Amino acid sequence: ERGYVFIARVNPRFNELIRLLPGEKK
């Protein structure tokens, strides 16, 4: 509903979370 800004790093657990996060990601 609110949207998000996710500060990511390059590693598998971040990649997995990004896969689970909702919406069409930019």
mmCIF file of all heavy atoms, coordinates in Angstrom:
data_MODEL
# 
_entry.id   MODEL 
# 
loop_
_atom_site.group_PDB 
_atom_site.id 
_atom_site.type_symbol 
_atom_site.label_atom_id 
_atom_site.label_alt_id 
_atom_site.label_comp_id 
_atom_site.label_asym_id 
_atom_site.label_entity_id 
_atom_site.label_seq_id 
_atom_site.pdbx_PDB_ins_code 
_atom_site.Cartn_x 
_atom_site.Cartn_y 
_atom_site.Cartn_z 
_atom_site.occupancy 
_atom_site.B_iso_or_equiv 
_atom_site.pdbx_formal_charge 
_atom_site.auth_seq_id 
_atom_site.auth_comp_id 
_atom_site.auth_asym_id 
_atom_site.auth_atom_id 
_atom_site.pdbx_PDB_model_num 
ATOM 1   N N   . GLU A 1 1  ? 0.810  -1.218  0.000   1.00 0.00 ? 1  GLU A N   1 
ATOM 2   C CA  . GLU A 1 1  ? 0.000  0.000   0.000   1.00 0.00 ? 1  GLU A CA  1 
ATOM 3   C C   . GLU A 1 1  ? 0.844  1.269   0.000   1.00 0.00 ? 1  GLU A C   1 
ATOM 4   O O   . GLU A 1 1  ? 0.534  2.238   -0.701  1.00 0.00 ? 1  GLU A O   1 
ATOM 5   C CB  . GLU A 1 1  ? -0.932 -0.010  1.214   1.00 0.00 ? 1  GLU A CB  1 
ATOM 6   C CG  . GLU A 1 1  ? -1.976 -1.118  1.158   1.00 0.00 ? 1  GLU A CG  1 
ATOM 7   C CD  . GLU A 1 1  ? -2.733 -1.270  2.462   1.00 0.00 ? 1  GLU A CD  1 
ATOM 8   O OE1 . GLU A 1 1  ? -2.488 -0.442  3.385   1.00 0.00 ? 1  GLU A OE1 1 
ATOM 9   O OE2 . GLU A 1 1  ? -3.540 -2.202  2.583   1.00 0.00 ? 1  GLU A OE2 1 
ATOM 10  N N   . ARG A 1 2  ? 1.898  1.283   0.803   1.00 0.00 ? 2  ARG A N   1 
ATOM 11  C CA  . ARG A 1 2  ? 2.699  2.501   0.928   1.00 0.00 ? 2  ARG A CA  1 
ATOM 12  C C   . ARG A 1 2  ? 3.872  2.539   -0.030  1.00 0.00 ? 2  ARG A C   1 
ATOM 13  O O   . ARG A 1 2  ? 4.435  3.609   -0.299  1.00 0.00 ? 2  ARG A O   1 
ATOM 14  C CB  . ARG A 1 2  ? 3.207  2.649   2.374   1.00 0.00 ? 2  ARG A CB  1 
ATOM 15  C CG  . ARG A 1 2  ? 2.111  2.967   3.397   1.00 0.00 ? 2  ARG A CG  1 
ATOM 16  C CD  . ARG A 1 2  ? 2.695  3.115   4.775   1.00 0.00 ? 2  ARG A CD  1 
ATOM 17  N NE  . ARG A 1 2  ? 3.781  4.086   4.798   1.00 0.00 ? 2  ARG A NE  1 
ATOM 18  C CZ  . ARG A 1 2  ? 4.678  4.175   5.778   1.00 0.00 ? 2  ARG A CZ  1 
ATOM 19  N NH1 . ARG A 1 2  ? 4.624  3.348   6.802   1.00 0.00 ? 2  ARG A NH1 1 
ATOM 20  N NH2 . ARG A 1 2  ? 5.632  5.090   5.721   1.00 0.00 ? 2  ARG A NH2 1 
ATOM 21  N N   . GLY A 1 3  ? 4.284  1.394   -0.520  1.00 0.00 ? 3  GLY A N   1 
ATOM 22  C CA  . GLY A 1 3  ? 5.496  1.355   -1.320  1.00 0.00 ? 3  GLY A CA  1 
ATOM 23  C C   . GLY A 1 3  ? 6.722  1.359   -0.421  1.00 0.00 ? 3  GLY A C   1 
ATOM 24  O O   . GLY A 1 3  ? 6.619  1.505   0.801   1.00 0.00 ? 3  GLY A O   1 
ATOM 25  N N   . TYR A 1 4  ? 7.904  1.211   -0.996  1.00 0.00 ? 4  TYR A N   1 
ATOM 26  C CA  . TYR A 1 4  ? 9.113  1.096   -0.194  1.00 0.00 ? 4  TYR A CA  1 
ATOM 27  C C   . TYR A 1 4  ? 10.339 1.536   -0.984  1.00 0.00 ? 4  TYR A C   1 
ATOM 28  O O   . TYR A 1 4  ? 10.350 1.559   -2.216  1.00 0.00 ? 4  TYR A O   1 
ATOM 29  C CB  . TYR A 1 4  ? 9.308  -0.346  0.291   1.00 0.00 ? 4  TYR A CB  1 
ATOM 30  C CG  . TYR A 1 4  ? 9.286  -1.373  -0.825  1.00 0.00 ? 4  TYR A CG  1 
ATOM 31  C CD1 . TYR A 1 4  ? 10.412 -1.623  -1.616  1.00 0.00 ? 4  TYR A CD1 1 
ATOM 32  C CD2 . TYR A 1 4  ? 8.111  -2.070  -1.125  1.00 0.00 ? 4  TYR A CD2 1 
ATOM 33  C CE1 . TYR A 1 4  ? 10.385 -2.536  -2.640  1.00 0.00 ? 4  TYR A CE1 1 
ATOM 34  C CE2 . TYR A 1 4  ? 8.069  -2.983  -2.169  1.00 0.00 ? 4  TYR A CE2 1 
ATOM 35  C CZ  . TYR A 1 4  ? 9.203  -3.218  -2.913  1.00 0.00 ? 4  TYR A CZ  1 
ATOM 36  O OH  . TYR A 1 4  ? 9.169  -4.123  -3.955  1.00 0.00 ? 4  TYR A OH  1 
ATOM 37  N N   . VAL A 1 5  ? 11.364 1.892   -0.228  1.00 0.00 ? 5  VAL A N   1 
ATOM 38  C CA  . VAL A 1 5  ? 12.704 2.115   -0.754  1.00 0.00 ? 5  VAL A CA  1 
ATOM 39  C C   . VAL A 1 5  ? 13.604 1.167   0.013   1.00 0.00 ? 5  VAL A C   1 
ATOM 40  O O   . VAL A 1 5  ? 13.810 1.331   1.219   1.00 0.00 ? 5  VAL A O   1 
ATOM 41  C CB  . VAL A 1 5  ? 13.162 3.576   -0.573  1.00 0.00 ? 5  VAL A CB  1 
ATOM 42  C CG1 . VAL A 1 5  ? 14.626 3.722   -0.995  1.00 0.00 ? 5  VAL A CG1 1 
ATOM 43  C CG2 . VAL A 1 5  ? 12.280 4.529   -1.367  1.00 0.00 ? 5  VAL A CG2 1 
ATOM 44  N N   . PHE A 1 6  ? 14.107 0.140   -0.656  1.00 0.00 ? 6  PHE A N   1 
ATOM 45  C CA  . PHE A 1 6  ? 14.908 -0.893  -0.005  1.00 0.00 ? 6  PHE A CA  1 
ATOM 46  C C   . PHE A 1 6  ? 16.377 -0.682  -0.331  1.00 0.00 ? 6  PHE A C   1 
ATOM 47  O O   . PHE A 1 6  ? 16.777 -0.674  -1.497  1.00 0.00 ? 6  PHE A O   1 
ATOM 48  C CB  . PHE A 1 6  ? 14.448 -2.283  -0.465  1.00 0.00 ? 6  PHE A CB  1 
ATOM 49  C CG  . PHE A 1 6  ? 15.248 -3.415  0.123   1.00 0.00 ? 6  PHE A CG  1 
ATOM 50  C CD1 . PHE A 1 6  ? 15.617 -3.429  1.462   1.00 0.00 ? 6  PHE A CD1 1 
ATOM 51  C CD2 . PHE A 1 6  ? 15.635 -4.485  -0.675  1.00 0.00 ? 6  PHE A CD2 1 
ATOM 52  C CE1 . PHE A 1 6  ? 16.357 -4.476  1.994   1.00 0.00 ? 6  PHE A CE1 1 
ATOM 53  C CE2 . PHE A 1 6  ? 16.367 -5.541  -0.155  1.00 0.00 ? 6  PHE A CE2 1 
ATOM 54  C CZ  . PHE A 1 6  ? 16.731 -5.537  1.190   1.00 0.00 ? 6  PHE A CZ  1 
ATOM 55  N N   . ILE A 1 7  ? 17.206 -0.499  0.699   1.00 0.00 ? 7  ILE A N   1 
ATOM 56  C CA  . ILE A 1 7  ? 18.650 -0.334  0.522   1.00 0.00 ? 7  ILE A CA  1 
ATOM 57  C C   . ILE A 1 7  ? 19.275 -1.716  0.485   1.00 0.00 ? 7  ILE A C   1 
ATOM 58  O O   . ILE A 1 7  ? 19.367 -2.404  1.522   1.00 0.00 ? 7  ILE A O   1 
ATOM 59  C CB  . ILE A 1 7  ? 19.259 0.522   1.647   1.00 0.00 ? 7  ILE A CB  1 
ATOM 60  C CG1 . ILE A 1 7  ? 18.517 1.859   1.763   1.00 0.00 ? 7  ILE A CG1 1 
ATOM 61  C CG2 . ILE A 1 7  ? 20.748 0.751   1.382   1.00 0.00 ? 7  ILE A CG2 1 
ATOM 62  C CD1 . ILE A 1 7  ? 18.526 2.701   0.508   1.00 0.00 ? 7  ILE A CD1 1 
ATOM 63  N N   . ALA A 1 8  ? 19.693 -2.138  -0.679  1.00 0.00 ? 8  ALA A N   1 
ATOM 64  C CA  . ALA A 1 8  ? 20.133 -3.517  -0.895  1.00 0.00 ? 8  ALA A CA  1 
ATOM 65  C C   . ALA A 1 8  ? 21.653 -3.632  -0.953  1.00 0.00 ? 8  ALA A C   1 
ATOM 66  O O   . ALA A 1 8  ? 22.361 -2.653  -1.197  1.00 0.00 ? 8  ALA A O   1 
ATOM 67  C CB  . ALA A 1 8  ? 19.525 -4.055  -2.182  1.00 0.00 ? 8  ALA A CB  1 
ATOM 68  N N   . ARG A 1 9  ? 22.111 -4.834  -0.722  1.00 0.00 ? 9  ARG A N   1 
ATOM 69  C CA  . ARG A 1 9  ? 23.514 -5.174  -0.932  1.00 0.00 ? 9  ARG A CA  1 
ATOM 70  C C   . ARG A 1 9  ? 23.571 -6.414  -1.822  1.00 0.00 ? 9  ARG A C   1 
ATOM 71  O O   . ARG A 1 9  ? 22.582 -7.113  -2.006  1.00 0.00 ? 9  ARG A O   1 
ATOM 72  C CB  . ARG A 1 9  ? 24.221 -5.445  0.409   1.00 0.00 ? 9  ARG A CB  1 
ATOM 73  C CG  . ARG A 1 9  ? 24.365 -4.224  1.272   1.00 0.00 ? 9  ARG A CG  1 
ATOM 74  C CD  . ARG A 1 9  ? 25.462 -4.422  2.324   1.00 0.00 ? 9  ARG A CD  1 
ATOM 75  N NE  . ARG A 1 9  ? 25.179 -5.462  3.286   1.00 0.00 ? 9  ARG A NE  1 
ATOM 76  C CZ  . ARG A 1 9  ? 24.433 -5.312  4.376   1.00 0.00 ? 9  ARG A CZ  1 
ATOM 77  N NH1 . ARG A 1 9  ? 23.868 -4.153  4.627   1.00 0.00 ? 9  ARG A NH1 1 
ATOM 78  N NH2 . ARG A 1 9  ? 24.232 -6.319  5.203   1.00 0.00 ? 9  ARG A NH2 1 
ATOM 79  N N   . VAL A 1 10 ? 24.753 -6.678  -2.332  1.00 0.00 ? 10 VAL A N   1 
ATOM 80  C CA  . VAL A 1 10 ? 24.909 -7.804  -3.254  1.00 0.00 ? 10 VAL A CA  1 
ATOM 81  C C   . VAL A 1 10 ? 25.261 -9.051  -2.462  1.00 0.00 ? 10 VAL A C   1 
ATOM 82  O O   . VAL A 1 10 ? 26.418 -9.281  -2.108  1.00 0.00 ? 10 VAL A O   1 
ATOM 83  C CB  . VAL A 1 10 ? 26.007 -7.512  -4.300  1.00 0.00 ? 10 VAL A CB  1 
ATOM 84  C CG1 . VAL A 1 10 ? 26.169 -8.693  -5.251  1.00 0.00 ? 10 VAL A CG1 1 
ATOM 85  C CG2 . VAL A 1 10 ? 25.677 -6.251  -5.078  1.00 0.00 ? 10 VAL A CG2 1 
ATOM 86  N N   . ASN A 1 11 ? 24.248 -9.828  -2.115  1.00 0.00 ? 11 ASN A N   1 
ATOM 87  C CA  . ASN A 1 11 ? 24.461 -11.160 -1.543  1.00 0.00 ? 11 ASN A CA  1 
ATOM 88  C C   . ASN A 1 11 ? 23.156 -11.951 -1.653  1.00 0.00 ? 11 ASN A C   1 
ATOM 89  O O   . ASN A 1 11 ? 22.084 -11.373 -1.870  1.00 0.00 ? 11 ASN A O   1 
ATOM 90  C CB  . ASN A 1 11 ? 25.011 -11.108 -0.106  1.00 0.00 ? 11 ASN A CB  1 
ATOM 91  C CG  . ASN A 1 11 ? 24.034 -10.546 0.891   1.00 0.00 ? 11 ASN A CG  1 
ATOM 92  O OD1 . ASN A 1 11 ? 22.867 -10.900 0.905   1.00 0.00 ? 11 ASN A OD1 1 
ATOM 93  N ND2 . ASN A 1 11 ? 24.527 -9.666  1.749   1.00 0.00 ? 11 ASN A ND2 1 
ATOM 94  N N   . PRO A 1 12 ? 23.197 -13.273 -1.521  1.00 0.00 ? 12 PRO A N   1 
ATOM 95  C CA  . PRO A 1 12 ? 22.019 -14.107 -1.779  1.00 0.00 ? 12 PRO A CA  1 
ATOM 96  C C   . PRO A 1 12 ? 20.805 -13.771 -0.935  1.00 0.00 ? 12 PRO A C   1 
ATOM 97  O O   . PRO A 1 12 ? 19.672 -13.829 -1.432  1.00 0.00 ? 12 PRO A O   1 
ATOM 98  C CB  . PRO A 1 12 ? 22.530 -15.526 -1.477  1.00 0.00 ? 12 PRO A CB  1 
ATOM 99  C CG  . PRO A 1 12 ? 23.999 -15.455 -1.750  1.00 0.00 ? 12 PRO A CG  1 
ATOM 100 C CD  . PRO A 1 12 ? 24.412 -14.091 -1.310  1.00 0.00 ? 12 PRO A CD  1 
ATOM 101 N N   . ARG A 1 13 ? 20.986 -13.427 0.344   1.00 0.00 ? 13 ARG A N   1 
ATOM 102 C CA  . ARG A 1 13 ? 19.798 -13.187 1.170   1.00 0.00 ? 13 ARG A CA  1 
ATOM 103 C C   . ARG A 1 13 ? 19.079 -11.903 0.750   1.00 0.00 ? 13 ARG A C   1 
ATOM 104 O O   . ARG A 1 13 ? 17.861 -11.821 0.843   1.00 0.00 ? 13 ARG A O   1 
ATOM 105 C CB  . ARG A 1 13 ? 20.142 -13.173 2.659   1.00 0.00 ? 13 ARG A CB  1 
ATOM 106 C CG  . ARG A 1 13 ? 20.964 -11.996 3.145   1.00 0.00 ? 13 ARG A CG  1 
ATOM 107 C CD  . ARG A 1 13 ? 21.136 -12.080 4.642   1.00 0.00 ? 13 ARG A CD  1 
ATOM 108 N NE  . ARG A 1 13 ? 21.736 -10.882 5.198   1.00 0.00 ? 13 ARG A NE  1 
ATOM 109 C CZ  . ARG A 1 13 ? 21.443 -10.409 6.401   1.00 0.00 ? 13 ARG A CZ  1 
ATOM 110 N NH1 . ARG A 1 13 ? 20.571 -11.030 7.157   1.00 0.00 ? 13 ARG A NH1 1 
ATOM 111 N NH2 . ARG A 1 13 ? 22.036 -9.315  6.842   1.00 0.00 ? 13 ARG A NH2 1 
ATOM 112 N N   . PHE A 1 14 ? 19.828 -10.902 0.284   1.00 0.00 ? 14 PHE A N   1 
ATOM 113 C CA  . PHE A 1 14 ? 19.193 -9.703  -0.245  1.00 0.00 ? 14 PHE A CA  1 
ATOM 114 C C   . PHE A 1 14 ? 18.466 -10.034 -1.548  1.00 0.00 ? 14 PHE A C   1 
ATOM 115 O O   . PHE A 1 14 ? 17.355 -9.548  -1.789  1.00 0.00 ? 14 PHE A O   1 
ATOM 116 C CB  . PHE A 1 14 ? 20.216 -8.597  -0.475  1.00 0.00 ? 14 PHE A CB  1 
ATOM 117 C CG  . PHE A 1 14 ? 20.540 -7.806  0.760   1.00 0.00 ? 14 PHE A CG  1 
ATOM 118 C CD1 . PHE A 1 14 ? 21.459 -8.279  1.685   1.00 0.00 ? 14 PHE A CD1 1 
ATOM 119 C CD2 . PHE A 1 14 ? 19.918 -6.598  1.014   1.00 0.00 ? 14 PHE A CD2 1 
ATOM 120 C CE1 . PHE A 1 14 ? 21.757 -7.555  2.827   1.00 0.00 ? 14 PHE A CE1 1 
ATOM 121 C CE2 . PHE A 1 14 ? 20.216 -5.862  2.156   1.00 0.00 ? 14 PHE A CE2 1 
ATOM 122 C CZ  . PHE A 1 14 ? 21.139 -6.342  3.060   1.00 0.00 ? 14 PHE A CZ  1 
ATOM 123 N N   . ASN A 1 15 ? 19.077 -10.855 -2.381  1.00 0.00 ? 15 ASN A N   1 
ATOM 124 C CA  . ASN A 1 15 ? 18.446 -11.244 -3.637  1.00 0.00 ? 15 ASN A CA  1 
ATOM 125 C C   . ASN A 1 15 ? 17.138 -11.982 -3.394  1.00 0.00 ? 15 ASN A C   1 
ATOM 126 O O   . ASN A 1 15 ? 16.142 -11.761 -4.101  1.00 0.00 ? 15 ASN A O   1 
ATOM 127 C CB  . ASN A 1 15 ? 19.394 -12.120 -4.463  1.00 0.00 ? 15 ASN A CB  1 
ATOM 128 C CG  . ASN A 1 15 ? 20.647 -11.379 -4.891  1.00 0.00 ? 15 ASN A CG  1 
ATOM 129 O OD1 . ASN A 1 15 ? 20.687 -10.147 -4.902  1.00 0.00 ? 15 ASN A OD1 1 
ATOM 130 N ND2 . ASN A 1 15 ? 21.683 -12.121 -5.241  1.00 0.00 ? 15 ASN A ND2 1 
ATOM 131 N N   . GLU A 1 16 ? 17.118 -12.841 -2.380  1.00 0.00 ? 16 GLU A N   1 
ATOM 132 C CA  . GLU A 1 16 ? 15.907 -13.596 -2.064  1.00 0.00 ? 16 GLU A CA  1 
ATOM 133 C C   . GLU A 1 16 ? 14.808 -12.680 -1.551  1.00 0.00 ? 16 GLU A C   1 
ATOM 134 O O   . GLU A 1 16 ? 13.636 -12.828 -1.922  1.00 0.00 ? 16 GLU A O   1 
ATOM 135 C CB  . GLU A 1 16 ? 16.222 -14.685 -1.032  1.00 0.00 ? 16 GLU A CB  1 
ATOM 136 C CG  . GLU A 1 16 ? 15.022 -15.500 -0.564  1.00 0.00 ? 16 GLU A CG  1 
ATOM 137 C CD  . GLU A 1 16 ? 14.318 -16.250 -1.684  1.00 0.00 ? 16 GLU A CD  1 
ATOM 138 O OE1 . GLU A 1 16 ? 14.925 -16.456 -2.758  1.00 0.00 ? 16 GLU A OE1 1 
ATOM 139 O OE2 . GLU A 1 16 ? 13.147 -16.644 -1.484  1.00 0.00 ? 16 GLU A OE2 1 
ATOM 140 N N   . LEU A 1 17 ? 15.167 -11.725 -0.693  1.00 0.00 ? 17 LEU A N   1 
ATOM 141 C CA  . LEU A 1 17 ? 14.162 -10.794 -0.185  1.00 0.00 ? 17 LEU A CA  1 
ATOM 142 C C   . LEU A 1 17 ? 13.586 -9.942  -1.315  1.00 0.00 ? 17 LEU A C   1 
ATOM 143 O O   . LEU A 1 17 ? 12.371 -9.711  -1.373  1.00 0.00 ? 17 LEU A O   1 
ATOM 144 C CB  . LEU A 1 17 ? 14.766 -9.892  0.894   1.00 0.00 ? 17 LEU A CB  1 
ATOM 145 C CG  . LEU A 1 17 ? 13.812 -8.832  1.459   1.00 0.00 ? 17 LEU A CG  1 
ATOM 146 C CD1 . LEU A 1 17 ? 12.572 -9.482  2.072   1.00 0.00 ? 17 LEU A CD1 1 
ATOM 147 C CD2 . LEU A 1 17 ? 14.513 -7.955  2.481   1.00 0.00 ? 17 LEU A CD2 1 
ATOM 148 N N   . ILE A 1 18 ? 14.447 -9.474  -2.209  1.00 0.00 ? 18 ILE A N   1 
ATOM 149 C CA  . ILE A 1 18 ? 13.960 -8.683  -3.338  1.00 0.00 ? 18 ILE A CA  1 
ATOM 150 C C   . ILE A 1 18 ? 12.948 -9.482  -4.152  1.00 0.00 ? 18 ILE A C   1 
ATOM 151 O O   . ILE A 1 18 ? 11.922 -8.952  -4.606  1.00 0.00 ? 18 ILE A O   1 
ATOM 152 C CB  . ILE A 1 18 ? 15.143 -8.226  -4.213  1.00 0.00 ? 18 ILE A CB  1 
ATOM 153 C CG1 . ILE A 1 18 ? 15.990 -7.200  -3.460  1.00 0.00 ? 18 ILE A CG1 1 
ATOM 154 C CG2 . ILE A 1 18 ? 14.648 -7.643  -5.536  1.00 0.00 ? 18 ILE A CG2 1 
ATOM 155 C CD1 . ILE A 1 18 ? 17.292 -6.857  -4.134  1.00 0.00 ? 18 ILE A CD1 1 
ATOM 156 N N   . ARG A 1 19 ? 13.210 -10.772 -4.304  1.00 0.00 ? 19 ARG A N   1 
ATOM 157 C CA  . ARG A 1 19 ? 12.279 -11.631 -5.051  1.00 0.00 ? 19 ARG A CA  1 
ATOM 158 C C   . ARG A 1 19 ? 10.913 -11.677 -4.366  1.00 0.00 ? 19 ARG A C   1 
ATOM 159 O O   . ARG A 1 19 ? 9.872  -11.726 -5.040  1.00 0.00 ? 19 ARG A O   1 
ATOM 160 C CB  . ARG A 1 19 ? 12.867 -13.041 -5.170  1.00 0.00 ? 19 ARG A CB  1 
ATOM 161 C CG  . ARG A 1 19 ? 12.079 -13.970 -6.066  1.00 0.00 ? 19 ARG A CG  1 
ATOM 162 C CD  . ARG A 1 19 ? 12.657 -15.379 -6.047  1.00 0.00 ? 19 ARG A CD  1 
ATOM 163 N NE  . ARG A 1 19 ? 12.486 -16.017 -4.760  1.00 0.00 ? 19 ARG A NE  1 
ATOM 164 C CZ  . ARG A 1 19 ? 11.349 -16.596 -4.347  1.00 0.00 ? 19 ARG A CZ  1 
ATOM 165 N NH1 . ARG A 1 19 ? 10.287 -16.613 -5.151  1.00 0.00 ? 19 ARG A NH1 1 
ATOM 166 N NH2 . ARG A 1 19 ? 11.277 -17.183 -3.170  1.00 0.00 ? 19 ARG A NH2 1 
ATOM 167 N N   . LEU A 1 20 ? 10.906 -11.632 -3.020  1.00 0.00 ? 20 LEU A N   1 
ATOM 168 C CA  . LEU A 1 20 ? 9.663  -11.752 -2.268  1.00 0.00 ? 20 LEU A CA  1 
ATOM 169 C C   . LEU A 1 20 ? 8.907  -10.431 -2.127  1.00 0.00 ? 20 LEU A C   1 
ATOM 170 O O   . LEU A 1 20 ? 7.703  -10.430 -1.874  1.00 0.00 ? 20 LEU A O   1 
ATOM 171 C CB  . LEU A 1 20 ? 9.953  -12.305 -0.862  1.00 0.00 ? 20 LEU A CB  1 
ATOM 172 C CG  . LEU A 1 20 ? 10.481 -13.743 -0.791  1.00 0.00 ? 20 LEU A CG  1 
ATOM 173 C CD1 . LEU A 1 20 ? 10.854 -14.079 0.644   1.00 0.00 ? 20 LEU A CD1 1 
ATOM 174 C CD2 . LEU A 1 20 ? 9.450  -14.730 -1.340  1.00 0.00 ? 20 LEU A CD2 1 
ATOM 175 N N   . LEU A 1 21 ? 9.614  -9.310  -2.257  1.00 0.00 ? 21 LEU A N   1 
ATOM 176 C CA  . LEU A 1 21 ? 8.966  -8.013  -2.072  1.00 0.00 ? 21 LEU A CA  1 
ATOM 177 C C   . LEU A 1 21 ? 7.924  -7.773  -3.158  1.00 0.00 ? 21 LEU A C   1 
ATOM 178 O O   . LEU A 1 21 ? 8.114  -8.173  -4.308  1.00 0.00 ? 21 LEU A O   1 
ATOM 179 C CB  . LEU A 1 21 ? 10.004 -6.892  -2.093  1.00 0.00 ? 21 LEU A CB  1 
ATOM 180 C CG  . LEU A 1 21 ? 10.944 -6.822  -0.881  1.00 0.00 ? 21 LEU A CG  1 
ATOM 181 C CD1 . LEU A 1 21 ? 11.987 -5.736  -1.090  1.00 0.00 ? 21 LEU A CD1 1 
ATOM 182 C CD2 . LEU A 1 21 ? 10.164 -6.567  0.414   1.00 0.00 ? 21 LEU A CD2 1 
ATOM 183 N N   . PRO A 1 22 ? 6.822  -7.092  -2.794  1.00 0.00 ? 22 PRO A N   1 
ATOM 184 C CA  . PRO A 1 22 ? 5.727  -6.907  -3.753  1.00 0.00 ? 22 PRO A CA  1 
ATOM 185 C C   . PRO A 1 22 ? 6.027  -5.814  -4.778  1.00 0.00 ? 22 PRO A C   1 
ATOM 186 O O   . PRO A 1 22 ? 6.938  -5.001  -4.617  1.00 0.00 ? 22 PRO A O   1 
ATOM 187 C CB  . PRO A 1 22 ? 4.550  -6.494  -2.857  1.00 0.00 ? 22 PRO A CB  1 
ATOM 188 C CG  . PRO A 1 22 ? 5.201  -5.782  -1.711  1.00 0.00 ? 22 PRO A CG  1 
ATOM 189 C CD  . PRO A 1 22 ? 6.491  -6.534  -1.468  1.00 0.00 ? 22 PRO A CD  1 
ATOM 190 N N   . GLY A 1 23 ? 5.211  -5.792  -5.820  1.00 0.00 ? 23 GLY A N   1 
ATOM 191 C CA  . GLY A 1 23 ? 5.231  -4.698  -6.774  1.00 0.00 ? 23 GLY A CA  1 
ATOM 192 C C   . GLY A 1 23 ? 6.211  -4.873  -7.922  1.00 0.00 ? 23 GLY A C   1 
ATOM 193 O O   . GLY A 1 23 ? 7.064  -5.767  -7.914  1.00 0.00 ? 23 GLY A O   1 
ATOM 194 N N   . GLU A 1 24 ? 6.055  -3.992  -8.910  1.00 0.00 ? 24 GLU A N   1 
ATOM 195 C CA  . GLU A 1 24 ? 6.967  -3.957  -10.045 1.00 0.00 ? 24 GLU A CA  1 
ATOM 196 C C   . GLU A 1 24 ? 8.165  -3.103  -9.667  1.00 0.00 ? 24 GLU A C   1 
ATOM 197 O O   . GLU A 1 24 ? 8.085  -1.882  -9.594  1.00 0.00 ? 24 GLU A O   1 
ATOM 198 C CB  . GLU A 1 24 ? 6.262  -3.358  -11.264 1.00 0.00 ? 24 GLU A CB  1 
ATOM 199 C CG  . GLU A 1 24 ? 7.119  -3.369  -12.517 1.00 0.00 ? 24 GLU A CG  1 
ATOM 200 C CD  . GLU A 1 24 ? 6.385  -2.815  -13.724 1.00 0.00 ? 24 GLU A CD  1 
ATOM 201 O OE1 . GLU A 1 24 ? 5.149  -2.678  -13.657 1.00 0.00 ? 24 GLU A OE1 1 
ATOM 202 O OE2 . GLU A 1 24 ? 7.065  -2.504  -14.727 1.00 0.00 ? 24 GLU A OE2 1 
ATOM 203 N N   . LYS A 1 25 ? 9.283  -3.748  -9.405  1.00 0.00 ? 25 LYS A N   1 
ATOM 204 C CA  . LYS A 1 25 ? 10.433 -3.082  -8.789  1.00 0.00 ? 25 LYS A CA  1 
ATOM 205 C C   . LYS A 1 25 ? 11.259 -2.306  -9.812  1.00 0.00 ? 25 LYS A C   1 
ATOM 206 O O   . LYS A 1 25 ? 11.504 -2.773  -10.921 1.00 0.00 ? 25 LYS A O   1 
ATOM 207 C CB  . LYS A 1 25 ? 11.305 -4.121  -8.081  1.00 0.00 ? 25 LYS A CB  1 
ATOM 208 C CG  . LYS A 1 25 ? 10.528 -5.018  -7.117  1.00 0.00 ? 25 LYS A CG  1 
ATOM 209 C CD  . LYS A 1 25 ? 11.362 -6.190  -6.644  1.00 0.00 ? 25 LYS A CD  1 
ATOM 210 C CE  . LYS A 1 25 ? 10.512 -7.163  -5.851  1.00 0.00 ? 25 LYS A CE  1 
ATOM 211 N NZ  . LYS A 1 25 ? 9.582  -7.945  -6.713  1.00 0.00 ? 25 LYS A NZ  1 
ATOM 212 N N   . LYS A 1 26 ? 11.714 -1.130  -9.366  1.00 0.00 ? 26 LYS A N   1 
ATOM 213 C CA  . LYS A 1 26 ? 12.656 -0.329  -10.125 1.00 0.00 ? 26 LYS A CA  1 
ATOM 214 C C   . LYS A 1 26 ? 13.997 -0.365  -9.397  1.00 0.00 ? 26 LYS A C   1 
ATOM 215 O O   . LYS A 1 26 ? 14.053 -0.178  -8.179  1.00 0.00 ? 26 LYS A O   1 
ATOM 216 C CB  . LYS A 1 26 ? 12.176 1.115   -10.255 1.00 0.00 ? 26 LYS A CB  1 
ATOM 217 C CG  . LYS A 1 26 ? 10.844 1.278   -10.976 1.00 0.00 ? 26 LYS A CG  1 
ATOM 218 C CD  . LYS A 1 26 ? 10.975 0.968   -12.467 1.00 0.00 ? 26 LYS A CD  1 
ATOM 219 C CE  . LYS A 1 26 ? 9.659  1.275   -13.180 1.00 0.00 ? 26 LYS A CE  1 
ATOM 220 N NZ  . LYS A 1 26 ? 9.747  0.989   -14.629 1.00 0.00 ? 26 LYS A NZ  1 
# 
